[in-house]
Amino acid sequence: TRGQTSDGNPPHTGTYYMTTNEGGAGALNTSTYVYQDLTPLGDYKGKILTFTAFLNNYNTDTSYLFIDDGITRTFSTGVTGGAVRAWVLDSVTALIPFGATQVRVGHMNQYYFNAYQLIDTASISVTIPIFTRKKASMNLIF
C-alpha cells in the first residue's frame, strides 16, 4: 500500500512511503513480506551487501529488514513499535556467498495481526571484501 501525508503518517522524506499490513501469528511472520530482488545475481556474489531503511511501526511488535541469498535469510536487529510514531533507521548486512541463488532485500513484521509497518528512504550499498594472503612455507623431511 502506498501511504501519503494525508493519512496521518507523514513520510520520512518525499511524498510517499510503503505500508505493509501484515496478518498472521507466529514468532516471525516469514510468509508475508515485501521485497525487491536484485539483479543481475552475479554482480552481488562474493560481496558485502548492506540494506538500510527508515522504519515506523505503531503497534507493539517488531519490524525487520532482511537480506535473503536463497541459502540464508539475515535479519536486522529490528525496530519495536509503540504509541509514539517515529522513524527509526535500521540496517542489515550480509556477505553474499558465491553459491547464492538470489539476492532479495525486504521488510517483514514480527507477528501482530493488522500490524501496520511503514518503510521509507531505503538504500543499498555494496562493498568488496579485502582478503589478505599470508605466505606459507612447508618443510618436508625425508
Protein backbone atom coordinates (compact mmCIF):
# COMPACT_ATOMS: atom_id res chain seq x y z
CA THR A 1 0.00 0.00 0.00
CA ARG A 2 1.28 3.46 -0.81
CA GLY A 3 0.79 5.81 2.11
CA GLN A 4 0.95 9.56 1.92
CA THR A 5 0.88 12.61 4.16
CA SER A 6 -2.93 12.82 4.10
CA ASP A 7 -3.39 9.54 6.03
CA GLY A 8 -1.95 10.99 9.24
CA ASN A 9 1.51 9.43 8.97
CA PRO A 10 3.96 11.88 7.43
CA PRO A 11 6.66 10.19 5.35
CA HIS A 12 10.29 10.34 6.37
CA THR A 13 11.16 12.12 3.12
CA GLY A 14 9.24 13.00 0.00
CA THR A 15 5.53 12.47 -0.50
CA TYR A 16 5.03 8.70 -0.21
CA TYR A 17 6.19 5.67 1.77
CA MET A 18 5.32 1.98 1.67
CA THR A 19 2.88 0.46 4.18
CA THR A 20 2.77 -3.26 4.85
CA ASN A 21 -0.39 -4.51 6.52
CA GLU A 22 0.66 -7.98 7.61
CA GLY A 23 -1.55 -10.51 9.30
CA GLY A 24 -0.93 -13.84 10.93
CA ALA A 25 0.63 -15.14 14.09
CA GLY A 26 3.91 -16.74 14.98
CA ALA A 27 7.38 -15.94 16.22
CA LEU A 28 8.23 -14.25 12.92
CA ASN A 29 5.77 -13.86 10.09
CA THR A 30 8.05 -15.08 7.30
CA SER A 31 5.24 -15.80 4.85
CA THR A 32 4.07 -12.19 4.39
CA TYR A 33 6.61 -9.56 3.48
CA VAL A 34 7.58 -7.02 0.87
CA TYR A 35 10.79 -7.45 -1.07
CA GLN A 36 12.86 -6.49 -4.09
CA ASP A 37 15.06 -8.94 -5.98
CA LEU A 38 18.41 -7.51 -7.03
CA THR A 39 19.73 -8.45 -10.44
CA PRO A 40 21.93 -9.46 -12.10
CA LEU A 41 22.79 -12.00 -9.41
CA GLY A 42 26.46 -12.21 -10.43
CA ASP A 43 27.03 -8.57 -9.51
CA TYR A 44 26.47 -9.37 -5.82
CA LYS A 45 28.12 -12.76 -5.31
CA GLY A 46 31.16 -12.58 -3.03
CA LYS A 47 30.33 -9.03 -1.96
CA ILE A 48 29.07 -7.48 1.25
CA LEU A 49 25.57 -6.03 0.91
CA THR A 50 24.02 -3.54 3.36
CA PHE A 51 20.32 -2.73 3.18
CA THR A 52 19.26 0.37 5.15
CA ALA A 53 15.83 1.95 5.58
CA PHE A 54 13.78 4.06 7.95
CA LEU A 55 11.04 2.04 9.66
CA ASN A 56 7.99 3.31 11.54
CA ASN A 57 5.56 0.91 13.15
CA TYR A 58 2.83 1.86 15.54
CA ASN A 59 1.97 -1.49 17.10
CA THR A 60 3.92 -3.22 19.85
CA ASP A 61 5.55 -5.76 17.55
CA THR A 62 8.94 -5.58 15.87
CA SER A 63 9.65 -4.74 12.25
CA TYR A 64 12.70 -6.24 10.48
CA LEU A 65 14.73 -5.69 7.34
CA PHE A 66 16.26 -8.77 5.74
CA ILE A 67 18.67 -9.97 3.06
CA ASP A 68 17.90 -13.39 1.57
CA ASP A 69 20.51 -15.05 -0.67
CA GLY A 70 18.48 -18.21 -1.27
CA ILE A 71 20.61 -20.09 1.29
CA THR A 72 20.32 -17.88 4.37
CA ARG A 73 17.97 -15.08 5.38
CA THR A 74 19.78 -12.50 7.53
CA PHE A 75 17.70 -10.14 9.69
CA SER A 76 18.34 -6.69 11.13
CA THR A 77 18.07 -6.18 14.88
CA GLY A 78 14.64 -4.71 14.22
CA VAL A 79 12.59 -1.73 15.34
CA THR A 80 9.96 -2.20 18.04
CA GLY A 81 6.81 -0.12 17.72
CA GLY A 82 4.77 1.67 20.32
CA ALA A 83 2.39 4.53 20.92
CA VAL A 84 4.81 7.14 19.58
CA ARG A 85 5.11 7.13 15.82
CA ALA A 86 8.70 7.83 14.88
CA TRP A 87 11.00 6.97 12.00
CA VAL A 88 13.95 4.83 13.12
CA LEU A 89 16.96 3.96 10.95
CA ASP A 90 17.60 0.20 10.70
CA SER A 91 20.02 -1.85 8.62
CA VAL A 92 21.16 -5.38 7.88
CA THR A 93 24.48 -6.54 6.39
CA ALA A 94 25.34 -9.88 4.79
CA LEU A 95 28.16 -11.39 2.76
CA ILE A 96 26.54 -12.86 -0.36
CA PRO A 97 28.05 -16.31 -0.96
CA PHE A 98 29.15 -17.48 -4.40
CA GLY A 99 26.50 -20.23 -4.14
CA ALA A 100 23.66 -17.71 -3.75
CA THR A 101 20.56 -18.40 -5.83
CA GLN A 102 19.02 -14.95 -5.35
CA VAL A 103 19.65 -11.60 -3.69
CA ARG A 104 16.45 -10.36 -2.11
CA VAL A 105 16.10 -7.41 0.26
CA GLY A 106 12.89 -6.81 2.14
CA HIS A 107 10.83 -5.95 5.18
CA MET A 108 8.62 -8.04 7.48
CA ASN A 109 6.99 -7.79 10.89
CA GLN A 110 7.10 -9.97 13.97
CA TYR A 111 3.63 -11.39 14.48
CA TYR A 112 0.76 -9.00 15.11
CA PHE A 113 -2.41 -9.20 13.04
CA ASN A 114 -3.01 -5.99 11.07
CA ALA A 115 0.42 -4.68 12.04
CA TYR A 116 0.85 -1.55 10.02
CA GLN A 117 4.52 -1.13 9.23
CA LEU A 118 5.93 1.80 7.31
CA ILE A 119 9.17 1.81 5.31
CA ASP A 120 10.79 4.82 3.64
CA THR A 121 14.10 6.11 2.30
CA ALA A 122 15.66 2.70 1.61
CA SER A 123 19.19 2.35 0.24
CA ILE A 124 21.62 -0.42 -0.66
CA SER A 125 25.39 -0.36 -0.57
CA VAL A 126 27.77 -3.00 -1.90
CA THR A 127 31.40 -3.40 -0.88
CA ILE A 128 34.09 -5.81 -2.00
CA PRO A 129 35.75 -7.67 0.89
CA ILE A 130 39.50 -7.30 1.17
CA PHE A 131 41.22 -10.61 1.75
CA THR A 132 44.86 -10.80 2.78
CA ARG A 133 47.08 -13.66 1.82
CA LYS A 134 49.77 -14.94 4.11
CA LYS A 135 52.87 -16.51 2.72
CA ALA A 136 53.05 -20.11 3.83
CA SER A 137 56.03 -22.43 3.83
CA MET A 138 56.32 -26.15 4.41
CA ASN A 139 59.42 -28.12 5.34
CA LEU A 140 59.47 -31.70 4.15
CA ILE A 141 61.89 -34.06 5.81
CA PHE A 142 62.68 -37.37 4.11
